[in-house]
Every structure is written in structure tokens, then in C-alpha cells.
């Protein structure tokens, strides 16, 4: 799997990819906390994996990244 951003190159190292994913997870955690508080009135979101996946997908797209699978 590769993550490409136009004009930004590819996070061509495991460390670069790890840092990208770490940042996205931190941002998703923060946004999800707000969502649980403001939208769900403090109720734990049992569907949090789906919410995180959608948030991270949107964040990648908004930053110009696309995830593609390397051919086998």
C-alpha cells in the first residue's frame, strides 16, 4: 500500500508512513471526542471504528492523499 500526495512526494519510508498514520489517529481521536460530547451527548460511540475510518479517509483525501494497493 502506498499513500501519495500530489506535489508532496510519497512517505517512502516506514517511519514516514507511521508518522502520517499516527497524526491521522491523533486528529481522529480529538475530533471523535468532540463528536461524542456534542452529538452523542457524552454517550460512548460503539461504532467508533467506522467513525475513525471515515474520518481518516476524509482527512487523507482533503490533504491530497490517495491510498493504492501495490500490484502483487
N, C-alpha and C. Protein backbone atom coordinates (compact mmCIF):
# COMPACT_ATOMS: atom_id res chain seq x y z
N UNK A 1 0.85 -1.16 0.00
CA UNK A 1 0.00 0.00 0.00
C UNK A 1 0.90 1.22 0.00
N UNK A 2 0.53 2.20 -0.78
CA UNK A 2 1.26 3.46 -0.79
C UNK A 2 0.28 4.59 -0.57
N UNK A 3 0.78 5.68 -0.02
CA UNK A 3 -0.03 6.89 0.15
C UNK A 3 0.68 8.01 -0.57
N UNK A 4 0.08 8.49 -1.62
CA UNK A 4 0.68 9.53 -2.45
C UNK A 4 -0.06 10.85 -2.27
N UNK A 5 0.72 11.92 -2.15
CA UNK A 5 0.14 13.26 -2.10
C UNK A 5 0.71 14.06 -3.24
N UNK A 6 -0.15 14.66 -4.06
CA UNK A 6 0.34 15.45 -5.18
C UNK A 6 1.28 16.55 -4.71
N UNK A 7 2.44 16.62 -5.33
CA UNK A 7 3.40 17.68 -5.02
C UNK A 7 4.13 17.49 -3.71
N UNK A 8 3.81 16.45 -2.96
CA UNK A 8 4.45 16.24 -1.68
C UNK A 8 5.29 14.99 -1.64
N UNK A 9 5.31 14.24 -2.72
CA UNK A 9 6.05 13.00 -2.73
C UNK A 9 5.30 11.93 -1.97
N UNK A 10 5.96 10.83 -1.78
CA UNK A 10 5.37 9.69 -1.08
C UNK A 10 6.07 9.50 0.24
N UNK A 11 5.34 9.19 1.32
CA UNK A 11 6.03 8.83 2.54
C UNK A 11 6.76 7.51 2.28
N UNK A 12 7.97 7.61 1.72
CA UNK A 12 8.66 6.46 1.15
C UNK A 12 9.39 5.61 2.18
N UNK A 13 9.24 5.92 3.42
CA UNK A 13 9.85 5.10 4.46
C UNK A 13 8.76 4.64 5.40
N UNK A 14 9.03 3.54 6.08
CA UNK A 14 8.07 3.07 7.08
C UNK A 14 7.86 4.14 8.14
N UNK A 15 8.92 4.85 8.50
CA UNK A 15 8.80 5.90 9.50
C UNK A 15 7.89 7.03 9.01
N UNK A 16 7.99 7.39 7.74
CA UNK A 16 7.14 8.44 7.19
C UNK A 16 5.68 8.03 7.16
N UNK A 17 5.42 6.79 6.79
CA UNK A 17 4.05 6.28 6.78
C UNK A 17 3.51 6.18 8.19
N UNK A 18 4.33 5.71 9.11
CA UNK A 18 3.92 5.60 10.50
C UNK A 18 3.58 6.97 11.07
N UNK A 19 4.38 7.96 10.77
CA UNK A 19 4.13 9.32 11.27
C UNK A 19 2.82 9.87 10.69
N UNK A 20 2.58 9.63 9.41
CA UNK A 20 1.34 10.07 8.78
C UNK A 20 0.13 9.43 9.46
N UNK A 21 0.17 8.13 9.65
CA UNK A 21 -0.94 7.43 10.28
C UNK A 21 -1.11 7.84 11.74
N UNK A 22 -0.01 8.05 12.45
CA UNK A 22 -0.06 8.50 13.84
C UNK A 22 -0.77 9.85 13.93
N UNK A 23 -0.40 10.76 13.05
CA UNK A 23 -1.02 12.08 13.04
C UNK A 23 -2.52 11.98 12.76
N UNK A 24 -2.89 11.16 11.79
CA UNK A 24 -4.30 10.98 11.47
C UNK A 24 -5.07 10.39 12.64
N UNK A 25 -4.49 9.43 13.35
CA UNK A 25 -5.16 8.84 14.51
C UNK A 25 -5.35 9.85 15.63
N UNK A 26 -4.35 10.68 15.88
CA UNK A 26 -4.46 11.70 16.91
C UNK A 26 -5.57 12.69 16.55
N UNK A 27 -5.58 13.12 15.29
CA UNK A 27 -6.62 14.06 14.84
C UNK A 27 -8.00 13.42 14.93
N UNK A 28 -8.11 12.15 14.57
CA UNK A 28 -9.40 11.45 14.65
C UNK A 28 -9.85 11.31 16.10
N UNK A 29 -8.92 10.99 16.98
CA UNK A 29 -9.27 10.87 18.40
C UNK A 29 -9.84 12.18 18.95
N UNK A 30 -9.18 13.28 18.62
CA UNK A 30 -9.63 14.59 19.08
C UNK A 30 -11.02 14.91 18.52
N UNK A 31 -11.19 14.73 17.23
CA UNK A 31 -12.48 15.02 16.59
C UNK A 31 -13.58 14.09 17.12
N UNK A 32 -13.24 12.85 17.37
CA UNK A 32 -14.23 11.90 17.86
C UNK A 32 -14.67 12.24 19.28
N UNK A 33 -13.76 12.74 20.08
CA UNK A 33 -14.12 13.18 21.42
C UNK A 33 -15.15 14.30 21.37
N UNK A 34 -14.96 15.23 20.46
CA UNK A 34 -15.91 16.32 20.27
C UNK A 34 -17.26 15.75 19.80
N UNK A 35 -17.21 14.83 18.85
CA UNK A 35 -18.43 14.20 18.33
C UNK A 35 -19.21 13.51 19.45
N UNK A 36 -18.52 12.72 20.26
CA UNK A 36 -19.21 12.02 21.35
C UNK A 36 -19.83 13.01 22.34
N UNK A 37 -19.11 14.09 22.63
CA UNK A 37 -19.60 15.08 23.58
C UNK A 37 -20.76 15.89 23.01
N UNK A 38 -20.59 16.42 21.81
CA UNK A 38 -21.56 17.36 21.26
C UNK A 38 -22.73 16.70 20.53
N UNK A 39 -22.47 15.62 19.84
CA UNK A 39 -23.53 14.99 19.05
C UNK A 39 -24.22 13.87 19.82
N UNK A 40 -23.41 13.08 20.52
CA UNK A 40 -23.98 11.94 21.25
C UNK A 40 -24.25 12.25 22.72
N UNK A 41 -24.07 13.52 23.11
CA UNK A 41 -24.33 13.95 24.49
C UNK A 41 -23.59 13.12 25.53
N UNK A 42 -22.33 12.82 25.23
CA UNK A 42 -21.48 12.12 26.19
C UNK A 42 -21.60 10.61 26.20
N UNK A 43 -22.40 10.07 25.29
CA UNK A 43 -22.58 8.62 25.22
C UNK A 43 -21.44 8.03 24.39
N UNK A 44 -20.88 6.91 24.88
CA UNK A 44 -19.80 6.24 24.16
C UNK A 44 -20.30 5.75 22.81
N UNK A 45 -19.53 6.00 21.78
CA UNK A 45 -19.87 5.58 20.42
C UNK A 45 -19.38 4.15 20.20
N UNK A 46 -20.31 3.22 20.17
CA UNK A 46 -19.96 1.81 19.96
C UNK A 46 -19.47 1.56 18.54
N UNK A 47 -19.78 2.45 17.64
CA UNK A 47 -19.37 2.31 16.24
C UNK A 47 -18.12 3.13 15.94
N UNK A 48 -17.29 3.36 16.96
CA UNK A 48 -16.12 4.22 16.79
C UNK A 48 -15.17 3.74 15.70
N UNK A 49 -14.95 2.45 15.48
CA UNK A 49 -14.02 2.08 14.39
C UNK A 49 -14.48 2.60 13.03
N UNK A 50 -15.78 2.51 12.76
CA UNK A 50 -16.32 3.02 11.50
C UNK A 50 -16.13 4.53 11.42
N UNK A 51 -16.40 5.23 12.52
CA UNK A 51 -16.27 6.69 12.55
C UNK A 51 -14.83 7.08 12.29
N UNK A 52 -13.87 6.41 12.95
CA UNK A 52 -12.45 6.71 12.74
C UNK A 52 -12.05 6.48 11.29
N UNK A 53 -12.48 5.34 10.73
CA UNK A 53 -12.12 5.02 9.34
C UNK A 53 -12.64 6.09 8.38
N UNK A 54 -13.88 6.51 8.57
CA UNK A 54 -14.44 7.54 7.70
C UNK A 54 -13.72 8.87 7.88
N UNK A 55 -13.42 9.23 9.10
CA UNK A 55 -12.72 10.49 9.38
C UNK A 55 -11.33 10.48 8.76
N UNK A 56 -10.61 9.38 8.93
CA UNK A 56 -9.25 9.28 8.39
C UNK A 56 -9.27 9.27 6.86
N UNK A 57 -10.25 8.62 6.25
CA UNK A 57 -10.37 8.61 4.80
C UNK A 57 -10.60 10.02 4.27
N UNK A 58 -11.52 10.76 4.92
CA UNK A 58 -11.77 12.16 4.52
C UNK A 58 -10.52 13.02 4.71
N UNK A 59 -9.83 12.85 5.84
CA UNK A 59 -8.63 13.64 6.11
C UNK A 59 -7.54 13.39 5.08
N UNK A 60 -7.36 12.14 4.70
CA UNK A 60 -6.37 11.82 3.66
C UNK A 60 -6.75 12.49 2.35
N UNK A 61 -8.00 12.36 1.95
CA UNK A 61 -8.45 12.94 0.68
C UNK A 61 -8.32 14.45 0.69
N UNK A 62 -8.69 15.10 1.79
CA UNK A 62 -8.60 16.55 1.90
C UNK A 62 -7.16 17.04 1.84
N UNK A 63 -6.22 16.18 2.23
CA UNK A 63 -4.80 16.54 2.19
C UNK A 63 -4.16 16.16 0.88
N UNK A 64 -4.96 15.59 -0.04
CA UNK A 64 -4.45 15.24 -1.36
C UNK A 64 -3.84 13.85 -1.45
N UNK A 65 -4.05 13.03 -0.43
CA UNK A 65 -3.51 11.67 -0.45
C UNK A 65 -4.51 10.71 -1.05
N UNK A 66 -4.00 9.67 -1.66
CA UNK A 66 -4.82 8.54 -2.08
C UNK A 66 -4.06 7.29 -1.70
N UNK A 67 -4.79 6.28 -1.29
CA UNK A 67 -4.16 5.01 -0.91
C UNK A 67 -4.40 4.04 -2.04
N UNK A 68 -3.33 3.44 -2.50
CA UNK A 68 -3.43 2.47 -3.57
C UNK A 68 -2.71 1.20 -3.15
N UNK A 69 -3.14 0.11 -3.70
CA UNK A 69 -2.52 -1.17 -3.41
C UNK A 69 -1.44 -1.44 -4.44
N UNK A 70 -0.27 -1.85 -3.97
CA UNK A 70 0.81 -2.21 -4.87
C UNK A 70 0.43 -3.49 -5.59
N UNK A 71 0.73 -3.58 -6.89
CA UNK A 71 0.43 -4.83 -7.60
C UNK A 71 1.23 -5.98 -7.02
N UNK A 72 0.62 -7.13 -6.98
CA UNK A 72 1.27 -8.33 -6.41
C UNK A 72 2.39 -8.81 -7.28
